[in-house]
Amino acid sequence: EAFNAILKVLEEPPQHVVFIFATTAPHKLPPTVLSRCQRFDFRRIGENEIAEHLLHIAEQEGIELLPEAARLIAKKADGGMRDAVSLLDQCAAAIGGPVGSDTVCNLLGIVDQEFIHRLAEHLLAHDLAAALTEVEQLVASGKDLRQAVADLCETLRDGLLQVLADPSGSPYPPAVWLDLLTGLADLDAKLRQAAAPRISLELAL
């Protein structure tokens, strides 16, 4: 009913008014509305662009933001500048001092990349005991398990692409990387529905 009500205004708009609709779900708009609009599809903003803009904002606002922290916030924002600025605001308000990578990780629940690389290395080497020890530390730290799995999959994907480009760059063949990545690809859905996410993660590993 709301779209039908606004349709009349779209068909005969006041001369001094321009309507701009923004949505992440254009498929939900009725064809009658879409046919009366000029449509522009926007891509996600790259992490480097977001990080650079965050550093610019921080300079203007007198926030001491370290470059590594800006990159972490940009990654967490997943291509959305508005989300990135909001996260920067949260960090600056909570810390009240220099915004570094450690504080950003703790405040936003981001898993340290060194941890992700260690976990990936244990899995590649089939060292299950070490991998499960890392998971225990992850749970104890209170970090988001789903985010950790997403970061792990991204690390394995990047490693697989590097090995495909240069097979001599890793002691592990592409098949090993691919097996791990395939095995973890659907874990996020299981963690979302699991009554005991930790057990689901450990079983997957």
N, C-alpha and C. Protein backbone atom coordinates (compact mmCIF):
# COMPACT_ATOMS: atom_id res chain seq x y z
N GLU A 1 0.82 -1.21 0.00
CA GLU A 1 0.00 0.00 0.00
C GLU A 1 0.86 1.26 0.00
N ALA A 2 1.98 1.20 0.70
CA ALA A 2 2.85 2.39 0.77
C ALA A 2 3.41 2.74 -0.60
N PHE A 3 3.82 1.74 -1.35
CA PHE A 3 4.35 2.00 -2.69
C PHE A 3 3.26 2.54 -3.61
N ASN A 4 2.08 1.99 -3.51
CA ASN A 4 0.97 2.48 -4.33
C ASN A 4 0.65 3.93 -4.00
N ALA A 5 0.79 4.28 -2.72
CA ALA A 5 0.48 5.65 -2.30
C ALA A 5 1.51 6.64 -2.86
N ILE A 6 2.76 6.23 -2.90
CA ILE A 6 3.81 7.15 -3.36
C ILE A 6 3.89 7.19 -4.89
N LEU A 7 3.27 6.21 -5.53
CA LEU A 7 3.33 6.14 -6.99
C LEU A 7 2.74 7.40 -7.64
N LYS A 8 1.68 7.90 -7.05
CA LYS A 8 1.02 9.10 -7.60
C LYS A 8 1.98 10.30 -7.55
N VAL A 9 2.72 10.40 -6.47
CA VAL A 9 3.66 11.51 -6.32
C VAL A 9 4.81 11.36 -7.31
N LEU A 10 5.24 10.12 -7.56
CA LEU A 10 6.31 9.88 -8.52
C LEU A 10 5.87 10.23 -9.93
N GLU A 11 4.63 9.95 -10.24
CA GLU A 11 4.13 10.23 -11.59
C GLU A 11 3.96 11.72 -11.84
N GLU A 12 3.59 12.46 -10.79
CA GLU A 12 3.39 13.91 -10.93
C GLU A 12 4.14 14.64 -9.81
N PRO A 13 5.46 14.62 -9.86
CA PRO A 13 6.24 15.21 -8.76
C PRO A 13 6.23 16.73 -8.81
N PRO A 14 6.31 17.38 -7.67
CA PRO A 14 6.46 18.85 -7.67
C PRO A 14 7.75 19.22 -8.39
N GLN A 15 7.76 20.35 -9.07
CA GLN A 15 8.92 20.73 -9.87
C GLN A 15 10.16 20.98 -9.01
N HIS A 16 9.99 21.36 -7.77
CA HIS A 16 11.13 21.71 -6.91
C HIS A 16 11.62 20.51 -6.08
N VAL A 17 11.15 19.30 -6.37
CA VAL A 17 11.50 18.13 -5.55
C VAL A 17 12.18 17.06 -6.41
N VAL A 18 13.26 16.49 -5.88
CA VAL A 18 13.91 15.33 -6.48
C VAL A 18 13.90 14.22 -5.44
N PHE A 19 13.34 13.08 -5.80
CA PHE A 19 13.33 11.92 -4.89
C PHE A 19 14.55 11.04 -5.16
N ILE A 20 15.23 10.63 -4.11
CA ILE A 20 16.34 9.67 -4.23
C ILE A 20 16.03 8.51 -3.29
N PHE A 21 15.83 7.34 -3.88
CA PHE A 21 15.59 6.14 -3.08
C PHE A 21 16.88 5.34 -3.01
N ALA A 22 17.23 4.87 -1.82
CA ALA A 22 18.42 4.03 -1.65
C ALA A 22 18.00 2.73 -0.98
N THR A 23 18.44 1.62 -1.53
CA THR A 23 18.06 0.32 -0.98
C THR A 23 19.12 -0.73 -1.26
N THR A 24 19.21 -1.69 -0.36
CA THR A 24 20.07 -2.85 -0.61
C THR A 24 19.24 -4.04 -1.10
N ALA A 25 17.95 -3.82 -1.32
CA ALA A 25 17.07 -4.89 -1.80
C ALA A 25 16.21 -4.39 -2.94
N PRO A 26 16.81 -4.03 -4.09
CA PRO A 26 16.01 -3.50 -5.20
C PRO A 26 14.99 -4.49 -5.75
N HIS A 27 15.24 -5.79 -5.52
CA HIS A 27 14.30 -6.79 -6.01
C HIS A 27 12.95 -6.73 -5.30
N LYS A 28 12.90 -6.03 -4.18
CA LYS A 28 11.65 -5.93 -3.43
C LYS A 28 10.78 -4.76 -3.91
N LEU A 29 11.35 -3.92 -4.78
CA LEU A 29 10.57 -2.79 -5.27
C LEU A 29 9.65 -3.24 -6.39
N PRO A 30 8.40 -2.77 -6.40
CA PRO A 30 7.47 -3.18 -7.47
C PRO A 30 7.91 -2.58 -8.81
N PRO A 31 7.64 -3.29 -9.90
CA PRO A 31 8.02 -2.79 -11.24
C PRO A 31 7.44 -1.42 -11.54
N THR A 32 6.28 -1.11 -11.00
CA THR A 32 5.66 0.20 -11.28
C THR A 32 6.52 1.34 -10.74
N VAL A 33 7.22 1.09 -9.64
CA VAL A 33 8.11 2.12 -9.08
C VAL A 33 9.43 2.14 -9.84
N LEU A 34 10.00 0.96 -10.09
CA LEU A 34 11.28 0.89 -10.79
C LEU A 34 11.21 1.52 -12.18
N SER A 35 10.08 1.36 -12.86
CA SER A 35 9.96 1.89 -14.22
C SER A 35 9.92 3.41 -14.26
N ARG A 36 9.70 4.03 -13.12
CA ARG A 36 9.63 5.49 -13.06
C ARG A 36 10.90 6.09 -12.44
N CYS A 37 11.94 5.25 -12.31
CA CYS A 37 13.18 5.71 -11.70
C CYS A 37 14.36 5.52 -12.65
N GLN A 38 15.37 6.35 -12.47
CA GLN A 38 16.67 6.07 -13.06
C GLN A 38 17.45 5.26 -12.05
N ARG A 39 17.95 4.10 -12.47
CA ARG A 39 18.58 3.19 -11.51
C ARG A 39 20.10 3.25 -11.64
N PHE A 40 20.76 3.36 -10.50
CA PHE A 40 22.21 3.34 -10.45
C PHE A 40 22.63 2.28 -9.43
N ASP A 41 23.42 1.29 -9.87
CA ASP A 41 23.92 0.25 -8.96
C ASP A 41 25.33 0.62 -8.50
N PHE A 42 25.51 0.69 -7.21
CA PHE A 42 26.80 1.08 -6.63
C PHE A 42 27.57 -0.15 -6.16
N ARG A 43 28.84 -0.17 -6.43
CA ARG A 43 29.70 -1.28 -5.99
C ARG A 43 30.15 -1.04 -4.55
N ARG A 44 30.62 -2.09 -3.92
CA ARG A 44 31.21 -1.94 -2.60
C ARG A 44 32.51 -1.16 -2.72
N ILE A 45 32.83 -0.39 -1.70
CA ILE A 45 34.06 0.40 -1.71
C ILE A 45 35.22 -0.47 -1.25
N GLY A 46 36.37 -0.35 -1.90
CA GLY A 46 37.54 -1.15 -1.57
C GLY A 46 38.08 -0.81 -0.18
N GLU A 47 38.73 -1.79 0.44
CA GLU A 47 39.26 -1.60 1.79
C GLU A 47 40.29 -0.48 1.84
N ASN A 48 41.14 -0.38 0.83
CA ASN A 48 42.15 0.67 0.83
C ASN A 48 41.52 2.06 0.78
N GLU A 49 40.48 2.20 -0.04
CA GLU A 49 39.78 3.49 -0.14
C GLU A 49 39.13 3.86 1.19
N ILE A 50 38.51 2.87 1.83
CA ILE A 50 37.85 3.13 3.11
C ILE A 50 38.89 3.51 4.17
N ALA A 51 40.00 2.76 4.22
CA ALA A 51 41.04 3.04 5.22
C ALA A 51 41.61 4.45 5.03
N GLU A 52 41.85 4.84 3.79
CA GLU A 52 42.39 6.17 3.52
C GLU A 52 41.40 7.26 3.97
N HIS A 53 40.12 7.03 3.70
CA HIS A 53 39.12 8.03 4.09
C HIS A 53 38.97 8.10 5.61
N LEU A 54 39.08 6.96 6.28
CA LEU A 54 39.01 6.95 7.75
C LEU A 54 40.18 7.74 8.35
N LEU A 55 41.37 7.57 7.77
CA LEU A 55 42.53 8.32 8.25
C LEU A 55 42.33 9.82 8.03
N HIS A 56 41.69 10.17 6.91
CA HIS A 56 41.41 11.58 6.64
C HIS A 56 40.41 12.13 7.66
N ILE A 57 39.35 11.37 7.93
CA ILE A 57 38.36 11.80 8.91
C ILE A 57 39.00 11.95 10.29
N ALA A 58 39.83 10.96 10.65
CA ALA A 58 40.49 11.00 11.96
C ALA A 58 41.36 12.25 12.10
N GLU A 59 42.06 12.59 11.03
CA GLU A 59 42.91 13.80 11.06
C GLU A 59 42.06 15.05 11.25
N GLN A 60 40.93 15.11 10.55
CA GLN A 60 40.05 16.27 10.65
C GLN A 60 39.43 16.39 12.04
N GLU A 61 39.14 15.25 12.67
CA GLU A 61 38.44 15.24 13.95
C GLU A 61 39.38 15.17 15.15
N GLY A 62 40.68 15.14 14.88
CA GLY A 62 41.65 15.08 15.98
C GLY A 62 41.73 13.73 16.65
N ILE A 63 41.43 12.65 15.90
CA ILE A 63 41.51 11.29 16.43
C ILE A 63 42.83 10.67 15.99
N GLU A 64 43.57 10.13 16.92
CA GLU A 64 44.84 9.47 16.58
C GLU A 64 44.55 8.03 16.15
N LEU A 65 44.46 7.81 14.85
CA LEU A 65 44.12 6.51 14.28
C LEU A 65 45.33 5.95 13.56
N LEU A 66 45.79 4.78 13.98
CA LEU A 66 46.94 4.15 13.34
C LEU A 66 46.50 3.47 12.05
N PRO A 67 47.37 3.44 11.03
CA PRO A 67 47.00 2.87 9.72
C PRO A 67 46.51 1.43 9.80
N GLU A 68 47.14 0.60 10.63
CA GLU A 68 46.72 -0.79 10.74
C GLU A 68 45.31 -0.89 11.32
N ALA A 69 45.00 -0.01 12.28
CA ALA A 69 43.65 0.00 12.85
C ALA A 69 42.63 0.44 11.81
N ALA A 70 43.00 1.40 10.96
CA ALA A 70 42.09 1.85 9.89
C ALA A 70 41.80 0.71 8.93
N ARG A 71 42.81 -0.10 8.63
CA ARG A 71 42.60 -1.24 7.72
C ARG A 71 41.69 -2.29 8.35
N LEU A 72 41.83 -2.52 9.65
CA LEU A 72 40.97 -3.48 10.33
C LEU A 72 39.52 -3.02 10.31
N ILE A 73 39.29 -1.75 10.59
CA ILE A 73 37.93 -1.21 10.56
C ILE A 73 37.36 -1.31 9.16
N ALA A 74 38.19 -1.00 8.15
CA ALA A 74 37.74 -1.07 6.76
C ALA A 74 37.33 -2.49 6.39
N LYS A 75 38.09 -3.46 6.86
CA LYS A 75 37.76 -4.86 6.58
C LYS A 75 36.45 -5.25 7.24
N LYS A 76 36.27 -4.82 8.48
CA LYS A 76 35.05 -5.15 9.23
C LYS A 76 33.82 -4.52 8.57
N ALA A 77 34.00 -3.35 7.94
CA ALA A 77 32.87 -2.64 7.33
C ALA A 77 32.35 -3.32 6.08
N ASP A 78 33.15 -4.20 5.47
CA ASP A 78 32.71 -4.99 4.32
C ASP A 78 32.18 -4.12 3.18
N GLY A 79 32.96 -3.09 2.82
CA GLY A 79 32.61 -2.29 1.66
C GLY A 79 31.65 -1.15 1.91
N GLY A 80 31.22 -0.95 3.15
CA GLY A 80 30.26 0.11 3.46
C GLY A 80 30.93 1.27 4.18
N MET A 81 30.98 2.43 3.55
CA MET A 81 31.64 3.58 4.17
C MET A 81 30.89 4.04 5.41
N ARG A 82 29.57 4.03 5.36
CA ARG A 82 28.78 4.46 6.52
C ARG A 82 29.08 3.58 7.73
N ASP A 83 29.14 2.26 7.52
CA ASP A 83 29.45 1.35 8.61
C ASP A 83 30.86 1.60 9.14
N ALA A 84 31.80 1.88 8.24
CA ALA A 84 33.18 2.12 8.65
C ALA A 84 33.29 3.35 9.55
N VAL A 85 32.61 4.43 9.15
CA VAL A 85 32.65 5.66 9.94
C VAL A 85 31.99 5.43 11.30
N SER A 86 30.92 4.67 11.32
CA SER A 86 30.24 4.36 12.58
C SER A 86 31.16 3.57 13.51
N LEU A 87 31.90 2.58 12.94
CA LEU A 87 32.82 1.79 13.74
C LEU A 87 33.96 2.64 14.28
N LEU A 88 34.45 3.55 13.45
CA LEU A 88 35.51 4.46 13.90
C LEU A 88 35.01 5.30 15.07
N ASP A 89 33.79 5.77 14.97
CA ASP A 89 33.20 6.59 16.03
C ASP A 89 33.10 5.79 17.33
N GLN A 90 32.68 4.54 17.22
CA GLN A 90 32.58 3.68 18.41
C GLN A 90 33.94 3.49 19.07
N CYS A 91 34.95 3.22 18.25
CA CYS A 91 36.29 2.98 18.79
C CYS A 91 36.85 4.23 19.45
N ALA A 92 36.71 5.37 18.78
CA ALA A 92 37.24 6.61 19.32
C ALA A 92 36.56 6.98 20.64
N ALA A 93 35.24 6.76 20.71
CA ALA A 93 34.49 7.11 21.93
C ALA A 93 34.85 6.18 23.09
N ALA A 94 35.08 4.90 22.77
CA ALA A 94 35.34 3.93 23.83
C ALA A 94 36.77 4.00 24.35
N ILE A 95 37.70 4.33 23.47
CA ILE A 95 39.11 4.30 23.86
C ILE A 95 39.54 5.62 24.48
N GLY A 96 39.17 6.73 23.84
CA GLY A 96 39.55 8.03 24.38
C GLY A 96 41.03 8.33 24.23
N GLY A 97 41.69 7.64 23.33
CA GLY A 97 43.12 7.84 23.10
C GLY A 97 43.48 7.32 21.73
N PRO A 98 44.76 7.01 21.51
CA PRO A 98 45.17 6.48 20.20
C PRO A 98 44.42 5.19 19.87
N VAL A 99 43.89 5.09 18.65
CA VAL A 99 43.16 3.91 18.22
C VAL A 99 44.12 3.00 17.46
N GLY A 100 44.52 1.90 18.10
CA GLY A 100 45.44 0.94 17.51
C GLY A 100 44.75 -0.35 17.13
N SER A 101 45.51 -1.25 16.51
CA SER A 101 44.92 -2.50 16.03
C SER A 101 44.43 -3.38 17.17
N ASP A 102 45.17 -3.42 18.27
CA ASP A 102 44.76 -4.28 19.41
C ASP A 102 43.43 -3.83 19.98
N THR A 103 43.29 -2.53 20.17
CA THR A 103 42.05 -2.03 20.76
C THR A 103 40.87 -2.22 19.81
N VAL A 104 41.11 -2.06 18.51
CA VAL A 104 40.05 -2.28 17.53
C VAL A 104 39.60 -3.74 17.55
N CYS A 105 40.57 -4.66 17.61
CA CYS A 105 40.24 -6.09 17.66
C CYS A 105 39.40 -6.41 18.89
N ASN A 106 39.78 -5.85 20.03
CA ASN A 106 39.07 -6.15 21.27
C ASN A 106 37.66 -5.56 21.27
N LEU A 107 37.53 -4.34 20.78
CA LEU A 107 36.22 -3.67 20.81
C LEU A 107 35.25 -4.24 19.80
N LEU A 108 35.74 -4.58 18.61
CA LEU A 108 34.86 -5.03 17.53
C LEU A 108 34.80 -6.55 17.40
N GLY A 109 35.51 -7.26 18.26
CA GLY A 109 35.47 -8.73 18.21
C GLY A 109 36.21 -9.32 17.02
N ILE A 110 37.15 -8.54 16.46
CA ILE A 110 37.92 -9.02 15.31
C ILE A 110 39.01 -9.97 15.78
N VAL A 111 39.17 -11.07 15.07
CA VAL A 111 40.18 -12.05 15.43
C VAL A 111 41.52 -11.62 14.83
N ASP A 112 42.56 -11.67 15.65
CA ASP A 112 43.89 -11.28 15.20
C ASP A 112 44.34 -12.15 14.02
N GLN A 113 44.93 -11.50 13.01
CA GLN A 113 45.34 -12.23 11.81
C GLN A 113 46.45 -13.23 12.08
N GLU A 114 47.30 -12.93 13.05
CA GLU A 114 48.36 -13.89 13.41
C GLU A 114 47.74 -15.19 13.91
N PHE A 115 46.65 -15.06 14.68
CA PHE A 115 45.94 -16.25 15.16
C PHE A 115 45.38 -17.05 13.99
N ILE A 116 44.76 -16.35 13.04
CA ILE A 116 44.17 -17.03 11.88
C ILE A 116 45.24 -17.77 11.08
N HIS A 117 46.38 -17.14 10.88
CA HIS A 117 47.46 -17.78 10.12
C HIS A 117 48.02 -19.00 10.87
N ARG A 118 48.10 -18.90 12.19
CA ARG A 118 48.56 -20.06 12.99
C ARG A 118 47.59 -21.21 12.86
N LEU A 119 46.29 -20.91 12.98
CA LEU A 119 45.27 -21.95 12.87
C LEU A 119 45.30 -22.60 11.49
N ALA A 120 45.45 -21.79 10.45
CA ALA A 120 45.53 -22.33 9.08
C ALA A 120 46.75 -23.24 8.93
N GLU A 121 47.87 -22.82 9.50
CA GLU A 121 49.09 -23.62 9.39
C GLU A 121 48.92 -24.96 10.11
N HIS A 122 48.29 -24.96 11.28
CA HIS A 122 48.05 -26.22 12.01
C HIS A 122 47.17 -27.16 11.19
N LEU A 123 46.14 -26.60 10.54
CA LEU A 123 45.24 -27.43 9.75
C LEU A 123 45.95 -27.99 8.51
N LEU A 124 46.75 -27.17 7.86
CA LEU A 124 47.49 -27.62 6.68
C LEU A 124 48.46 -28.74 7.04
N ALA A 125 49.02 -28.63 8.24
CA ALA A 125 49.99 -29.64 8.70
C ALA A 125 49.31 -30.83 9.36
N HIS A 126 47.98 -30.84 9.41
CA HIS A 126 47.19 -31.91 10.05
C HIS A 126 47.53 -32.06 11.52
N ASP A 127 47.84 -30.95 12.18
CA ASP A 127 48.12 -30.96 13.62
C ASP A 127 46.84 -30.58 14.35
N LEU A 128 45.98 -31.56 14.54
CA LEU A 128 44.66 -31.31 15.11
C LEU A 128 44.74 -30.84 16.56
N ALA A 129 45.67 -31.42 17.33
CA ALA A 129 45.79 -31.04 18.74
C ALA A 129 46.09 -29.54 18.87
N ALA A 130 47.01 -29.05 18.05
CA ALA A 130 47.37 -27.63 18.10
C ALA A 130 46.19 -26.78 17.64
N ALA A 131 45.46 -27.24 16.62
CA ALA A 131 44.31 -26.49 16.12
C ALA A 131 43.23 -26.36 17.19
N LEU A 132 42.97 -27.45 17.90
CA LEU A 132 41.94 -27.42 18.94
C LEU A 132 42.37 -26.55 20.11
N THR A 133 43.67 -26.49 20.39
CA THR A 133 44.17 -25.60 21.43
C THR A 133 43.93 -24.14 21.05
N GLU A 134 44.13 -23.84 19.77
CA GLU A 134 43.86 -22.48 19.29
C GLU A 134 42.38 -22.13 19.44
N VAL A 135 41.52 -23.11 19.15
CA VAL A 135 40.07 -22.87 19.28
C VAL A 135 39.71 -22.61 20.74
N GLU A 136 40.34 -23.32 21.64
CA GLU A 136 40.08 -23.11 23.07
C GLU A 136 40.43 -21.68 23.47
N GLN A 137 41.57 -21.19 22.98
CA GLN A 137 41.97 -19.81 23.27
C GLN A 137 41.00 -18.82 22.63
N LEU A 138 40.51 -19.16 21.44
CA LEU A 138 39.56 -18.29 20.75
C LEU A 138 38.27 -18.16 21.55
N VAL A 139 37.75 -19.28 22.04
CA VAL A 139 36.52 -19.27 22.83
C VAL A 139 36.72 -18.50 24.13
N ALA A 140 37.88 -18.71 24.76
CA ALA A 140 38.17 -18.03 26.02
C ALA A 140 38.27 -16.52 25.86
N SER A 141 38.68 -16.08 24.67
CA SER A 141 38.83 -14.64 24.43
C SER A 141 37.49 -13.96 24.17
N GLY A 142 36.44 -14.77 23.92
CA GLY A 142 35.12 -14.21 23.69
C GLY A 142 34.90 -13.69 22.29
N LYS A 143 35.78 -14.06 21.36
CA LYS A 143 35.66 -13.59 19.98
C LYS A 143 34.52 -14.31 19.26
N ASP A 144 34.04 -13.71 18.19
CA ASP A 144 32.95 -14.26 17.38
C ASP A 144 33.46 -15.45 16.56
N LEU A 145 32.92 -16.64 16.81
CA LEU A 145 33.39 -17.83 16.11
C LEU A 145 33.09 -17.76 14.62
N ARG A 146 31.95 -17.22 14.26
CA ARG A 146 31.59 -17.12 12.84
C ARG A 146 32.55 -16.19 12.10
N GLN A 147 32.92 -15.09 12.76
CA GLN A 147 33.87 -14.17 12.13
C GLN A 147 35.23 -14.83 11.97
N ALA A 148 35.62 -15.64 12.97
CA ALA A 148 36.89 -16.35 12.89
C ALA A 148 36.89 -17.34 11.73
N VAL A 149 35.79 -18.04 11.54
CA VAL A 149 35.68 -19.00 10.43
C VAL A 149 35.73 -18.26 9.09
N ALA A 150 35.04 -17.11 9.01
CA ALA A 150 35.06 -16.32 7.78
C ALA A 150 36.47 -15.85 7.45
N ASP A 151 37.19 -15.40 8.47
CA ASP A 151 38.58 -14.96 8.26
C ASP A 151 39.47 -16.13 7.87
N LEU A 152 39.23 -17.30 8.47
CA LEU A 152 40.02 -18.49 8.14
C LEU A 152 39.79 -18.89 6.69
N CYS A 153 38.54 -18.89 6.26
CA CYS A 153 38.23 -19.23 4.86
C CYS A 153 38.88 -18.25 3.90
N GLU A 154 38.86 -16.98 4.26
CA GLU A 154 39.48 -15.97 3.39
C GLU A 154 40.98 -16.19 3.29
N THR A 155 41.61 -16.54 4.43
CA THR A 155 43.05 -16.81 4.43
C THR A 155 43.38 -18.03 3.58
N LEU A 156 42.57 -19.08 3.70
CA LEU A 156 42.79 -20.29 2.90
C LEU A 156 42.57 -20.01 1.42
N ARG A 157 41.59 -19.20 1.11
CA ARG A 157 41.33 -18.84 -0.29
C ARG A 157 42.53 -18.09 -0.88
N ASP A 158 43.03 -17.10 -0.12
CA ASP A 158 44.19 -16.34 -0.59
C ASP A 158 45.40 -17.25 -0.78
N GLY A 159 45.58 -18.19 0.17
CA GLY A 159 46.69 -19.12 0.06
C GLY A 159 46.56 -20.03 -1.15
N LEU A 160 45.34 -20.48 -1.41
CA LEU A 160 45.11 -21.34 -2.58
C LEU A 160 45.43 -20.61 -3.87
N LEU A 161 45.00 -19.36 -3.98
CA LEU A 161 45.28 -18.58 -5.19
C LEU A 161 46.78 -18.36 -5.38
N GLN A 162 47.49 -18.14 -4.28
CA GLN A 162 48.94 -17.94 -4.37
C GLN A 162 49.64 -19.22 -4.81
N VAL A 163 49.18 -20.36 -4.29
CA VAL A 163 49.80 -21.64 -4.66
C VAL A 163 49.51 -21.97 -6.12
N LEU A 164 48.30 -21.65 -6.57
CA LEU A 164 47.98 -21.90 -7.97
C LEU A 164 48.86 -21.04 -8.89
N ALA A 165 49.15 -19.82 -8.44
CA ALA A 165 49.99 -18.93 -9.25
C ALA A 165 51.46 -19.34 -9.18
N ASP A 166 51.89 -19.85 -8.02
CA ASP A 166 53.29 -20.24 -7.83
C ASP A 166 53.35 -21.49 -6.95
N PRO A 167 53.28 -22.68 -7.54
CA PRO A 167 53.27 -23.93 -6.76
C PRO A 167 54.48 -24.11 -5.85
N SER A 168 55.58 -23.45 -6.17
CA SER A 168 56.78 -23.60 -5.34
C SER A 168 56.74 -22.72 -4.10
N GLY A 169 55.71 -21.90 -3.98
CA GLY A 169 55.65 -20.96 -2.88
C GLY A 169 55.11 -21.55 -1.58
N SER A 170 54.67 -22.81 -1.60
CA SER A 170 54.12 -23.44 -0.40
C SER A 170 54.48 -24.92 -0.39
N PRO A 171 54.76 -25.46 0.79
CA PRO A 171 55.04 -26.90 0.87
C PRO A 171 53.80 -27.77 0.69
N TYR A 172 52.62 -27.13 0.68
CA TYR A 172 51.37 -27.87 0.55
C TYR A 172 50.81 -27.70 -0.85
N PRO A 173 50.42 -28.80 -1.51
CA PRO A 173 49.87 -28.71 -2.87
C PRO A 173 48.49 -28.07 -2.87
N PRO A 174 48.03 -27.61 -4.03
CA PRO A 174 46.71 -26.96 -4.10
C PRO A 174 45.57 -27.82 -3.56
N ALA A 175 45.67 -29.14 -3.75
CA ALA A 175 44.58 -30.02 -3.30
C ALA A 175 44.36 -29.93 -1.80
N VAL A 176 45.45 -29.76 -1.04
CA VAL A 176 45.33 -29.67 0.42
C VAL A 176 44.58 -28.40 0.81
N TRP A 177 44.96 -27.27 0.19
CA TRP A 177 44.27 -26.01 0.44
C TRP A 177 42.80 -26.11 0.07
N LEU A 178 42.53 -26.72 -1.09
CA LEU A 178 41.16 -26.81 -1.59
C LEU A 178 40.30 -27.69 -0.69
N ASP A 179 40.86 -28.80 -0.20
CA ASP A 179 40.11 -29.68 0.69
C ASP A 179 39.69 -28.95 1.97
N LEU A 180 40.62 -28.20 2.54
CA LEU A 180 40.31 -27.45 3.76
C LEU A 180 39.23 -26.40 3.50
N LEU A 181 39.40 -25.67 2.42
CA LEU A 181 38.45 -24.61 2.10
C LEU A 181 37.06 -25.18 1.83
N THR A 182 37.00 -26.29 1.11
CA THR A 182 35.72 -26.94 0.82
C THR A 182 35.06 -27.43 2.10
N GLY A 183 35.86 -28.00 2.99
CA GLY A 183 35.32 -28.53 4.24
C GLY A 183 34.75 -27.47 5.16
N LEU A 184 35.27 -26.25 5.05
CA LEU A 184 34.84 -25.18 5.95
C LEU A 184 33.82 -24.23 5.31
N ALA A 185 33.57 -24.42 4.02
CA ALA A 185 32.74 -23.47 3.27
C ALA A 185 31.32 -23.34 3.82
N ASP A 186 30.74 -24.44 4.28
CA ASP A 186 29.35 -24.39 4.76
C ASP A 186 29.26 -24.36 6.28
N LEU A 187 30.39 -24.11 6.95
CA LEU A 187 30.39 -24.13 8.40
C LEU A 187 29.65 -22.94 8.99
N ASP A 188 29.65 -21.82 8.30
CA ASP A 188 28.99 -20.63 8.83
C ASP A 188 27.50 -20.88 9.07
N ALA A 189 26.86 -21.55 8.12
CA ALA A 189 25.43 -21.85 8.28
C ALA A 189 25.19 -22.76 9.48
N LYS A 190 26.09 -23.71 9.69
CA LYS A 190 25.94 -24.62 10.83
C LYS A 190 26.12 -23.87 12.15
N LEU A 191 27.10 -22.96 12.19
CA LEU A 191 27.34 -22.21 13.42
C LEU A 191 26.16 -21.30 13.75
N ARG A 192 25.51 -20.77 12.71
CA ARG A 192 24.38 -19.86 12.93
C ARG A 192 23.23 -20.57 13.62
N GLN A 193 23.06 -21.86 13.33
CA GLN A 193 21.93 -22.61 13.86
C GLN A 193 22.30 -23.54 15.03
N ALA A 194 23.60 -23.66 15.29
CA ALA A 194 24.05 -24.66 16.27
C ALA A 194 23.72 -24.24 17.70
N ALA A 195 23.31 -25.22 18.49
CA ALA A 195 23.08 -24.98 19.92
C ALA A 195 24.41 -24.86 20.66
N ALA A 196 25.44 -25.55 20.14
CA ALA A 196 26.78 -25.50 20.73
C ALA A 196 27.78 -25.20 19.62
N PRO A 197 27.96 -23.92 19.27
CA PRO A 197 28.83 -23.55 18.15
C PRO A 197 30.26 -24.07 18.29
N ARG A 198 30.78 -24.08 19.52
CA ARG A 198 32.16 -24.53 19.70
C ARG A 198 32.32 -25.97 19.25
N ILE A 199 31.37 -26.83 19.63
CA ILE A 199 31.45 -28.24 19.26
C ILE A 199 31.37 -28.38 17.74
N SER A 200 30.50 -27.60 17.12
CA SER A 200 30.37 -27.66 15.65
C SER A 200 31.69 -27.26 14.97
N LEU A 201 32.35 -26.23 15.52
CA LEU A 201 33.63 -25.80 14.96
C LEU A 201 34.68 -26.88 15.14
N GLU A 202 34.73 -27.46 16.33
CA GLU A 202 35.74 -28.49 16.60
C GLU A 202 35.52 -29.73 15.73
N LEU A 203 34.26 -30.10 15.54
CA LEU A 203 33.97 -31.24 14.68
C LEU A 203 34.39 -30.97 13.23
N ALA A 204 34.13 -29.75 12.78
CA ALA A 204 34.51 -29.40 11.41
C ALA A 204 36.03 -29.46 11.24
N LEU A 205 36.76 -28.98 12.23
CA LEU A 205 38.22 -29.04 12.15
C LEU A 205 38.71 -30.48 12.18
